[in-house]
Amino acid sequence: MEAEGPRVGSDRPLRVLVVDDDPLVRRMIRDVLNPAGILVVGEAQDGRDAVRAARHYKPDVILLDVVMPGVDGLTALEQIVADSRVDAKVVILSVRGEHDLGYLALRMGAVGYLNKDLDLGVLPRILRDVADGGAALSRRFTAELAERLRDLPEGGVGMRPIRSVLTTREWEIVDELCIGRSTTEIADALVVSTETVRTHIKSILRKLDVHSRAEVVDLVQRLRAGDAAAWAAMSRPDAPSRMTVLIRPPE
């Protein structure tokens, strides 16, 4: 885990953590971001180091490689998303460009999935878009996501505010609760541990100021029916008054 440069003030630039086991890739990314005014606050070479670095440096965005020795990128992603000490958006980097892997990463809480063969010159713009609430996806991947809209389940499952008090992973848990799944069933569906599911549910209850899973389901159902009070409870103050949808890959 490499040290960051001097601390910046309240008008600090965008802070990025770069995670890749290849030092040449880390250097190339750093050499593109720094001249663009984006501060690379730290680097890590494996998933375990990535989690520690995310806690320590508190970046705005994490560029996270998938295939690394020891703890891989998806395992690190799960730990980062579940960690209340980390408030960073994660963009996955892959040499494979496999869209099924991209779907899984998005379901696990990433906000982007990029192939390493992209033109690094566009990376600063992409990361600024991510920091502003956008997603980092290729045109082809975005087109495939759009095609899957036709498979949207009935009853609004998957619908949520554009900017919610809940994380992407927490919304995944909420959707599972809405279809009546137990803790064990949710863990199996999302490929996580039951303890991770329980941790997320505790966070959901706290954020929504409710006391039971049934209250969560009732609040979400009212939100999706257009209830203004439910919308206010589940949206961030700066949220636009529209919904987005999570597209799941085929089972």
C-alpha atoms as a PDB file:
ATOM      1  CA  MET A   1       0.000   0.000   0.000  1.00  0.00           C
ATOM      2  CA  GLU A   2       1.732   3.146  -1.182  1.00  0.00           C
ATOM      3  CA  ALA A   3       1.515   6.473   0.624  1.00  0.00           C
ATOM      4  CA  GLU A   4      -0.496   9.403  -0.666  1.00  0.00           C
ATOM      5  CA  GLY A   5       0.747  12.910  -1.283  1.00  0.00           C
ATOM      6  CA  PRO A   6      -0.035  15.992   0.786  1.00  0.00           C
ATOM      7  CA  ARG A   7      -3.560  16.466   2.093  1.00  0.00           C
ATOM      8  CA  VAL A   8      -5.776  18.760   0.096  1.00  0.00           C
ATOM      9  CA  GLY A   9      -8.308  21.274   1.345  1.00  0.00           C
ATOM     10  CA  SER A  10     -12.073  21.544   1.106  1.00  0.00           C
ATOM     11  CA  ASP A  11     -11.758  22.222  -2.636  1.00  0.00           C
ATOM     12  CA  ARG A  12      -9.705  19.081  -3.070  1.00  0.00           C
ATOM     13  CA  PRO A  13      -9.607  17.286  -6.417  1.00  0.00           C
ATOM     14  CA  LEU A  14     -11.246  13.959  -7.102  1.00  0.00           C
ATOM     15  CA  ARG A  15      -9.486  11.247  -5.076  1.00  0.00           C
ATOM     16  CA  VAL A  16      -8.885   7.851  -6.678  1.00  0.00           C
ATOM     17  CA  LEU A  17      -7.472   4.563  -5.404  1.00  0.00           C
ATOM     18  CA  VAL A  18      -5.923   2.349  -8.112  1.00  0.00           C
ATOM     19  CA  VAL A  19      -5.890  -1.404  -7.486  1.00  0.00           C
ATOM     20  CA  ASP A  20      -4.042  -3.703  -9.887  1.00  0.00           C
ATOM     21  CA  ASP A  21      -1.387  -6.360  -9.437  1.00  0.00           C
ATOM     22  CA  ASP A  22       0.574  -5.005 -12.423  1.00  0.00           C
ATOM     23  CA  PRO A  23       2.741  -2.005 -11.403  1.00  0.00           C
ATOM     24  CA  LEU A  24       2.974  -0.903 -15.036  1.00  0.00           C
ATOM     25  CA  VAL A  25      -0.829  -0.642 -15.290  1.00  0.00           C
ATOM     26  CA  ARG A  26      -0.953   1.332 -12.034  1.00  0.00           C
ATOM     27  CA  ARG A  27       1.722   3.710 -13.317  1.00  0.00           C
ATOM     28  CA  MET A  28      -0.029   4.217 -16.667  1.00  0.00           C
ATOM     29  CA  ILE A  29      -3.292   5.062 -14.936  1.00  0.00           C
ATOM     30  CA  ARG A  30      -1.570   7.401 -12.504  1.00  0.00           C
ATOM     31  CA  ASP A  31       0.274   9.147 -15.335  1.00  0.00           C
ATOM     32  CA  VAL A  32      -3.067   9.829 -17.052  1.00  0.00           C
ATOM     33  CA  LEU A  33      -5.021  10.935 -13.986  1.00  0.00           C
ATOM     34  CA  ASN A  34      -2.531  13.194 -12.218  1.00  0.00           C
ATOM     35  CA  PRO A  35      -2.022  15.658 -15.126  1.00  0.00           C
ATOM     36  CA  ALA A  36      -5.840  15.866 -15.426  1.00  0.00           C
ATOM     37  CA  GLY A  37      -6.085  17.138 -11.858  1.00  0.00           C
ATOM     38  CA  ILE A  38      -7.265  13.838 -10.376  1.00  0.00           C
ATOM     39  CA  LEU A  39      -5.341  12.797  -7.271  1.00  0.00           C
ATOM     40  CA  VAL A  40      -4.259   9.162  -7.012  1.00  0.00           C
ATOM     41  CA  VAL A  41      -4.268   8.940  -3.218  1.00  0.00           C
ATOM     42  CA  GLY A  42      -3.046   5.362  -3.066  1.00  0.00           C
ATOM     43  CA  GLU A  43      -2.290   2.159  -4.920  1.00  0.00           C
ATOM     44  CA  ALA A  44      -2.794  -1.490  -4.011  1.00  0.00           C
ATOM     45  CA  GLN A  45      -1.690  -4.722  -5.655  1.00  0.00           C
ATOM     46  CA  ASP A  46      -4.293  -7.186  -4.351  1.00  0.00           C
ATOM     47  CA  GLY A  47      -7.789  -7.306  -2.906  1.00  0.00           C
ATOM     48  CA  ARG A  48      -6.752  -7.483   0.740  1.00  0.00           C
ATOM     49  CA  ASP A  49      -4.535  -4.442   0.359  1.00  0.00           C
ATOM     50  CA  ALA A  50      -7.358  -2.691  -1.531  1.00  0.00           C
ATOM     51  CA  VAL A  51      -9.752  -2.976   1.401  1.00  0.00           C
ATOM     52  CA  ARG A  52      -7.161  -1.616   3.825  1.00  0.00           C
ATOM     53  CA  ALA A  53      -6.260   1.219   1.458  1.00  0.00           C
ATOM     54  CA  ALA A  54      -9.920   2.129   0.937  1.00  0.00           C
ATOM     55  CA  ARG A  55     -10.420   2.433   4.688  1.00  0.00           C
ATOM     56  CA  HIS A  56      -7.249   4.448   5.158  1.00  0.00           C
ATOM     57  CA  TYR A  57      -7.287   6.856   2.213  1.00  0.00           C
ATOM     58  CA  LYS A  58     -11.084   7.249   1.889  1.00  0.00           C
ATOM     59  CA  PRO A  59     -11.075   7.774  -1.898  1.00  0.00           C
ATOM     60  CA  ASP A  60     -14.031   9.033  -3.906  1.00  0.00           C
ATOM     61  CA  VAL A  61     -13.585   6.380  -6.597  1.00  0.00           C
ATOM     62  CA  ILE A  62     -11.797   3.022  -6.638  1.00  0.00           C
ATOM     63  CA  LEU A  63     -10.485   1.488  -9.863  1.00  0.00           C
ATOM     64  CA  LEU A  64     -10.431  -2.217  -9.051  1.00  0.00           C
ATOM     65  CA  ASP A  65      -8.882  -5.004 -11.113  1.00  0.00           C
ATOM     66  CA  VAL A  66     -10.728  -8.344 -11.147  1.00  0.00           C
ATOM     67  CA  VAL A  67      -7.967 -10.940 -11.434  1.00  0.00           C
ATOM     68  CA  MET A  68      -5.343 -10.552  -8.707  1.00  0.00           C
ATOM     69  CA  PRO A  69      -3.375 -12.977  -6.527  1.00  0.00           C
ATOM     70  CA  GLY A  70      -4.771 -13.782  -3.109  1.00  0.00           C
ATOM     71  CA  VAL A  71      -8.025 -11.877  -2.615  1.00  0.00           C
ATOM     72  CA  ASP A  72      -9.555 -11.224  -6.043  1.00  0.00           C
ATOM     73  CA  GLY A  73     -11.347  -8.077  -7.150  1.00  0.00           C
ATOM     74  CA  LEU A  74     -14.922  -9.315  -6.691  1.00  0.00           C
ATOM     75  CA  THR A  75     -14.210 -10.492  -3.150  1.00  0.00           C
ATOM     76  CA  ALA A  76     -12.638  -7.122  -2.395  1.00  0.00           C
ATOM     77  CA  LEU A  77     -15.657  -5.389  -3.960  1.00  0.00           C
ATOM     78  CA  GLU A  78     -18.020  -7.244  -1.653  1.00  0.00           C
ATOM     79  CA  GLN A  79     -15.980  -6.265   1.399  1.00  0.00           C
ATOM     80  CA  ILE A  80     -15.666  -2.640   0.319  1.00  0.00           C
ATOM     81  CA  VAL A  81     -19.381  -2.240  -0.393  1.00  0.00           C
ATOM     82  CA  ALA A  82     -20.281  -3.779   2.971  1.00  0.00           C
ATOM     83  CA  ASP A  83     -17.804  -1.603   4.903  1.00  0.00           C
ATOM     84  CA  SER A  84     -19.500   1.394   6.530  1.00  0.00           C
ATOM     85  CA  ARG A  85     -16.094   3.084   6.806  1.00  0.00           C
ATOM     86  CA  VAL A  86     -15.767   3.294   3.022  1.00  0.00           C
ATOM     87  CA  ASP A  87     -17.882   5.680   0.965  1.00  0.00           C
ATOM     88  CA  ALA A  88     -16.356   5.200  -2.465  1.00  0.00           C
ATOM     89  CA  LYS A  89     -17.757   4.288  -5.854  1.00  0.00           C
ATOM     90  CA  VAL A  90     -16.110   1.252  -7.402  1.00  0.00           C
ATOM     91  CA  VAL A  91     -15.322   0.804 -11.084  1.00  0.00           C
ATOM     92  CA  ILE A  92     -14.204  -2.690 -12.084  1.00  0.00           C
ATOM     93  CA  LEU A  93     -11.381  -3.177 -14.596  1.00  0.00           C
ATOM     94  CA  SER A  94     -11.151  -6.394 -16.604  1.00  0.00           C
ATOM     95  CA  VAL A  95      -9.012  -7.720 -19.437  1.00  0.00           C
ATOM     96  CA  ARG A  96     -11.735 -10.146 -20.448  1.00  0.00           C
ATOM     97  CA  GLY A  97     -14.665  -7.891 -21.277  1.00  0.00           C
ATOM     98  CA  GLU A  98     -17.090 -10.622 -20.203  1.00  0.00           C
ATOM     99  CA  HIS A  99     -20.498  -9.064 -19.738  1.00  0.00           C
ATOM    100  CA  ASP A 100     -21.703 -11.778 -17.353  1.00  0.00           C
ATOM    101  CA  LEU A 101     -18.857 -10.774 -15.068  1.00  0.00           C
ATOM    102  CA  GLY A 102     -19.938  -7.156 -15.502  1.00  0.00           C
ATOM    103  CA  TYR A 103     -23.520  -7.996 -14.507  1.00  0.00           C
ATOM    104  CA  LEU A 104     -22.242  -9.753 -11.411  1.00  0.00           C
ATOM    105  CA  ALA A 105     -20.032  -6.784 -10.487  1.00  0.00           C
ATOM    106  CA  LEU A 106     -22.964  -4.373 -10.837  1.00  0.00           C
ATOM    107  CA  ARG A 107     -25.154  -6.628  -8.724  1.00  0.00           C
ATOM    108  CA  MET A 108     -22.443  -6.670  -6.069  1.00  0.00           C
ATOM    109  CA  GLY A 109     -22.347  -2.869  -5.892  1.00  0.00           C
ATOM    110  CA  ALA A 110     -19.946  -1.598  -8.565  1.00  0.00           C
ATOM    111  CA  VAL A 111     -20.994   1.465 -10.563  1.00  0.00           C
ATOM    112  CA  GLY A 112     -18.900   0.633 -13.595  1.00  0.00           C
ATOM    113  CA  TYR A 113     -17.290  -2.147 -15.582  1.00  0.00           C
ATOM    114  CA  LEU A 114     -14.546  -1.282 -18.074  1.00  0.00           C
ATOM    115  CA  ASN A 115     -12.237  -3.273 -20.292  1.00  0.00           C
ATOM    116  CA  LYS A 116      -8.552  -2.501 -19.853  1.00  0.00           C
ATOM    117  CA  ASP A 117      -8.166  -1.941 -23.581  1.00  0.00           C
ATOM    118  CA  LEU A 118     -10.102   1.338 -23.383  1.00  0.00           C
ATOM    119  CA  ASP A 119      -8.402   4.575 -24.403  1.00  0.00           C
ATOM    120  CA  LEU A 120      -6.887   5.775 -21.108  1.00  0.00           C
ATOM    121  CA  GLY A 121      -7.211   9.347 -22.340  1.00  0.00           C
ATOM    122  CA  VAL A 122     -10.956   9.234 -21.623  1.00  0.00           C
ATOM    123  CA  LEU A 123     -10.487   7.866 -18.099  1.00  0.00           C
ATOM    124  CA  PRO A 124     -10.467  11.269 -16.311  1.00  0.00           C
ATOM    125  CA  ARG A 125     -13.825  12.193 -17.853  1.00  0.00           C
ATOM    126  CA  ILE A 126     -15.279   8.775 -17.013  1.00  0.00           C
ATOM    127  CA  LEU A 127     -14.207   9.005 -13.371  1.00  0.00           C
ATOM    128  CA  ARG A 128     -15.588  12.523 -13.003  1.00  0.00           C
ATOM    129  CA  ASP A 129     -18.899  11.289 -14.423  1.00  0.00           C
ATOM    130  CA  VAL A 130     -18.879   8.457 -11.882  1.00  0.00           C
ATOM    131  CA  ALA A 131     -18.194  10.878  -9.033  1.00  0.00           C
ATOM    132  CA  ASP A 132     -21.174  12.958 -10.213  1.00  0.00           C
ATOM    133  CA  GLY A 133     -23.481   9.955 -10.045  1.00  0.00           C
ATOM    134  CA  GLY A 134     -22.995   8.421 -13.486  1.00  0.00           C
ATOM    135  CA  ALA A 135     -22.092   4.877 -14.501  1.00  0.00           C
ATOM    136  CA  ALA A 136     -18.929   3.721 -16.270  1.00  0.00           C
ATOM    137  CA  LEU A 137     -20.092   1.273 -18.931  1.00  0.00           C
ATOM    138  CA  SER A 138     -19.140   0.674 -22.535  1.00  0.00           C
ATOM    139  CA  ARG A 139     -21.677   1.437 -25.265  1.00  0.00           C
ATOM    140  CA  ARG A 140     -22.049  -2.249 -26.065  1.00  0.00           C
ATOM    141  CA  PHE A 141     -22.632  -3.181 -22.443  1.00  0.00           C
ATOM    142  CA  THR A 142     -25.134  -0.339 -22.051  1.00  0.00           C
ATOM    143  CA  ALA A 143     -27.007  -1.583 -25.115  1.00  0.00           C
ATOM    144  CA  GLU A 144     -27.247  -5.066 -23.620  1.00  0.00           C
ATOM    145  CA  LEU A 145     -28.584  -3.616 -20.377  1.00  0.00           C
ATOM    146  CA  ALA A 146     -31.221  -1.703 -22.331  1.00  0.00           C
ATOM    147  CA  GLU A 147     -32.292  -4.886 -24.097  1.00  0.00           C
ATOM    148  CA  ARG A 148     -32.888  -6.548 -20.745  1.00  0.00           C
ATOM    149  CA  LEU A 149     -35.421  -3.896 -19.759  1.00  0.00           C
ATOM    150  CA  ARG A 150     -38.065  -6.003 -21.456  1.00  0.00           C
ATOM    151  CA  ASP A 151     -37.410  -8.647 -18.791  1.00  0.00           C
ATOM    152  CA  LEU A 152     -38.262  -6.263 -15.953  1.00  0.00           C
ATOM    153  CA  PRO A 153     -40.298  -8.231 -13.376  1.00  0.00           C
ATOM    154  CA  GLU A 154     -43.876  -7.323 -12.594  1.00  0.00           C
ATOM    155  CA  GLY A 155     -44.642  -5.350  -9.469  1.00  0.00           C
ATOM    156  CA  GLY A 156     -41.772  -2.925  -9.885  1.00  0.00           C
ATOM    157  CA  VAL A 157     -39.103  -5.226  -8.488  1.00  0.00           C
ATOM    158  CA  GLY A 158     -35.790  -3.576  -9.278  1.00  0.00           C
ATOM    159  CA  MET A 159     -37.182  -0.044  -9.348  1.00  0.00           C
ATOM    160  CA  ARG A 160     -35.547   2.478  -7.048  1.00  0.00           C
ATOM    161  CA  PRO A 161     -34.810   6.239  -6.831  1.00  0.00           C
ATOM    162  CA  ILE A 162     -31.930   7.552  -8.959  1.00  0.00           C
ATOM    163  CA  ARG A 163     -30.172   8.715  -5.791  1.00  0.00           C
ATOM    164  CA  SER A 164     -31.184   6.660  -2.801  1.00  0.00           C
ATOM    165  CA  VAL A 165     -30.138   6.525   0.829  1.00  0.00           C
ATOM    166  CA  LEU A 166     -29.505   2.827   0.186  1.00  0.00           C
ATOM    167  CA  THR A 167     -26.545   1.408  -1.683  1.00  0.00           C
ATOM    168  CA  THR A 168     -26.889  -0.741  -4.801  1.00  0.00           C
ATOM    169  CA  ARG A 169     -26.206  -3.880  -2.756  1.00  0.00           C
ATOM    170  CA  GLU A 170     -28.769  -2.864  -0.133  1.00  0.00           C
ATOM    171  CA  TRP A 171     -31.365  -2.463  -2.889  1.00  0.00           C
ATOM    172  CA  GLU A 172     -30.511  -5.961  -4.063  1.00  0.00           C
ATOM    173  CA  ILE A 173     -31.304  -7.196  -0.553  1.00  0.00           C
ATOM    174  CA  VAL A 174     -34.522  -5.157  -0.487  1.00  0.00           C
ATOM    175  CA  ASP A 175     -35.688  -6.706  -3.767  1.00  0.00           C
ATOM    176  CA  GLU A 176     -35.069 -10.171  -2.345  1.00  0.00           C
ATOM    177  CA  LEU A 177     -37.052  -9.271   0.779  1.00  0.00           C
ATOM    178  CA  CYS A 178     -39.905  -8.044  -1.406  1.00  0.00           C
ATOM    179  CA  ILE A 179     -40.277 -11.458  -3.016  1.00  0.00           C
ATOM    180  CA  GLY A 180     -40.312 -13.147   0.375  1.00  0.00           C
ATOM    181  CA  ARG A 181     -36.892 -14.738   0.516  1.00  0.00           C
ATOM    182  CA  SER A 182     -35.239 -15.721   3.795  1.00  0.00           C
ATOM    183  CA  THR A 183     -31.748 -14.739   4.893  1.00  0.00           C
ATOM    184  CA  THR A 184     -30.309 -18.043   3.646  1.00  0.00           C
ATOM    185  CA  GLU A 185     -32.136 -17.769   0.315  1.00  0.00           C
ATOM    186  CA  ILE A 186     -30.880 -14.208  -0.176  1.00  0.00           C
ATOM    187  CA  ALA A 187     -27.316 -15.284   0.590  1.00  0.00           C
ATOM    188  CA  ASP A 188     -27.558 -18.076  -1.988  1.00  0.00           C
ATOM    189  CA  ALA A 189     -29.108 -15.786  -4.620  1.00  0.00           C
ATOM    190  CA  LEU A 190     -26.478 -13.056  -4.218  1.00  0.00           C
ATOM    191  CA  VAL A 191     -23.541 -15.397  -3.564  1.00  0.00           C
ATOM    192  CA  VAL A 192     -22.654 -13.884  -0.200  1.00  0.00           C
ATOM    193  CA  SER A 193     -22.589 -15.143   3.377  1.00  0.00           C
ATOM    194  CA  THR A 194     -25.650 -15.068   5.647  1.00  0.00           C
ATOM    195  CA  GLU A 195     -23.705 -12.793   7.994  1.00  0.00           C
ATOM    196  CA  THR A 196     -23.191 -10.315   5.145  1.00  0.00           C
ATOM    197  CA  VAL A 197     -26.938 -10.371   4.443  1.00  0.00           C
ATOM    198  CA  ARG A 198     -27.737  -9.717   8.116  1.00  0.00           C
ATOM    199  CA  THR A 199     -25.263  -6.829   8.191  1.00  0.00           C
ATOM    200  CA  HIS A 200     -26.889  -5.254   5.142  1.00  0.00           C
ATOM    201  CA  ILE A 201     -30.377  -5.685   6.601  1.00  0.00           C
ATOM    202  CA  LYS A 202     -29.323  -3.967   9.825  1.00  0.00           C
ATOM    203  CA  SER A 203     -27.981  -1.080   7.748  1.00  0.00           C
ATOM    204  CA  ILE A 204     -31.222  -0.912   5.732  1.00  0.00           C
ATOM    205  CA  LEU A 205     -33.364  -0.799   8.878  1.00  0.00           C
ATOM    206  CA  ARG A 206     -31.195   1.961  10.334  1.00  0.00           C
ATOM    207  CA  LYS A 207     -31.168   4.089   7.189  1.00  0.00           C
ATOM    208  CA  LEU A 208     -34.931   3.809   6.683  1.00  0.00           C
ATOM    209  CA  ASP A 209     -35.680   4.269  10.408  1.00  0.00           C
ATOM    210  CA  VAL A 210     -37.839   1.141  10.569  1.00  0.00           C
ATOM    211  CA  HIS A 211     -37.748  -1.855  12.881  1.00  0.00           C
ATOM    212  CA  SER A 212     -38.597  -4.929  10.828  1.00  0.00           C
ATOM    213  CA  ARG A 213     -38.262  -6.500   7.416  1.00  0.00           C
ATOM    214  CA  ALA A 214     -42.027  -6.234   6.972  1.00  0.00           C
ATOM    215  CA  GLU A 215     -41.800  -2.468   7.421  1.00  0.00           C
ATOM    216  CA  VAL A 216     -39.072  -2.322   4.768  1.00  0.00           C
ATOM    217  CA  VAL A 217     -41.248  -4.231   2.303  1.00  0.00           C
ATOM    218  CA  ASP A 218     -44.259  -2.011   3.057  1.00  0.00           C
ATOM    219  CA  LEU A 219     -42.189   1.151   2.546  1.00  0.00           C
ATOM    220  CA  VAL A 220     -40.792  -0.088  -0.776  1.00  0.00           C
ATOM    221  CA  GLN A 221     -44.218  -1.120  -2.020  1.00  0.00           C
ATOM    222  CA  ARG A 222     -45.557   2.346  -1.192  1.00  0.00           C
ATOM    223  CA  LEU A 223     -42.559   3.938  -2.932  1.00  0.00           C
ATOM    224  CA  ARG A 224     -43.192   1.939  -6.093  1.00  0.00           C
ATOM    225  CA  ALA A 225     -46.886   2.845  -5.942  1.00  0.00           C
ATOM    226  CA  GLY A 226     -45.973   6.537  -6.004  1.00  0.00           C
ATOM    227  CA  ASP A 227     -46.300   7.425  -2.311  1.00  0.00           C
ATOM    228  CA  ALA A 228     -44.552  10.778  -1.730  1.00  0.00           C
ATOM    229  CA  ALA A 229     -43.720  10.085   1.923  1.00  0.00           C
ATOM    230  CA  ALA A 230     -42.079   6.779   1.041  1.00  0.00           C
ATOM    231  CA  TRP A 231     -40.134   8.515  -1.730  1.00  0.00           C
ATOM    232  CA  ALA A 232     -38.828  11.120   0.705  1.00  0.00           C
ATOM    233  CA  ALA A 233     -37.802   8.428   3.201  1.00  0.00           C
ATOM    234  CA  MET A 234     -35.780   6.474   0.650  1.00  0.00           C
ATOM    235  CA  SER A 235     -34.242   9.237  -1.477  1.00  0.00           C
ATOM    236  CA  ARG A 236     -31.276  11.486  -0.809  1.00  0.00           C
ATOM    237  CA  PRO A 237     -32.171  15.208  -0.522  1.00  0.00           C
ATOM    238  CA  ASP A 238     -30.568  15.943  -3.914  1.00  0.00           C
ATOM    239  CA  ALA A 239     -32.361  13.090  -5.686  1.00  0.00           C
ATOM    240  CA  PRO A 240     -34.305  13.819  -8.892  1.00  0.00           C
ATOM    241  CA  SER A 241     -37.940  12.716  -8.893  1.00  0.00           C
ATOM    242  CA  ARG A 242     -37.503   9.692 -11.132  1.00  0.00           C
ATOM    243  CA  MET A 243     -36.671   6.020 -10.827  1.00  0.00           C
ATOM    244  CA  THR A 244     -34.041   3.707 -12.220  1.00  0.00           C
ATOM    245  CA  VAL A 245     -33.999  -0.065 -12.510  1.00  0.00           C
ATOM    246  CA  LEU A 246     -31.549  -2.857 -11.780  1.00  0.00           C
ATOM    247  CA  ILE A 247     -31.205  -5.274 -14.675  1.00  0.00           C
ATOM    248  CA  ARG A 248     -30.302  -8.796 -13.638  1.00  0.00           C
ATOM    249  CA  PRO A 249     -28.436 -11.221 -15.876  1.00  0.00           C
ATOM    250  CA  PRO A 250     -30.287 -14.378 -16.824  1.00  0.00           C
ATOM    251  CA  GLU A 251     -30.302 -17.102 -14.152  1.00  0.00           C
END
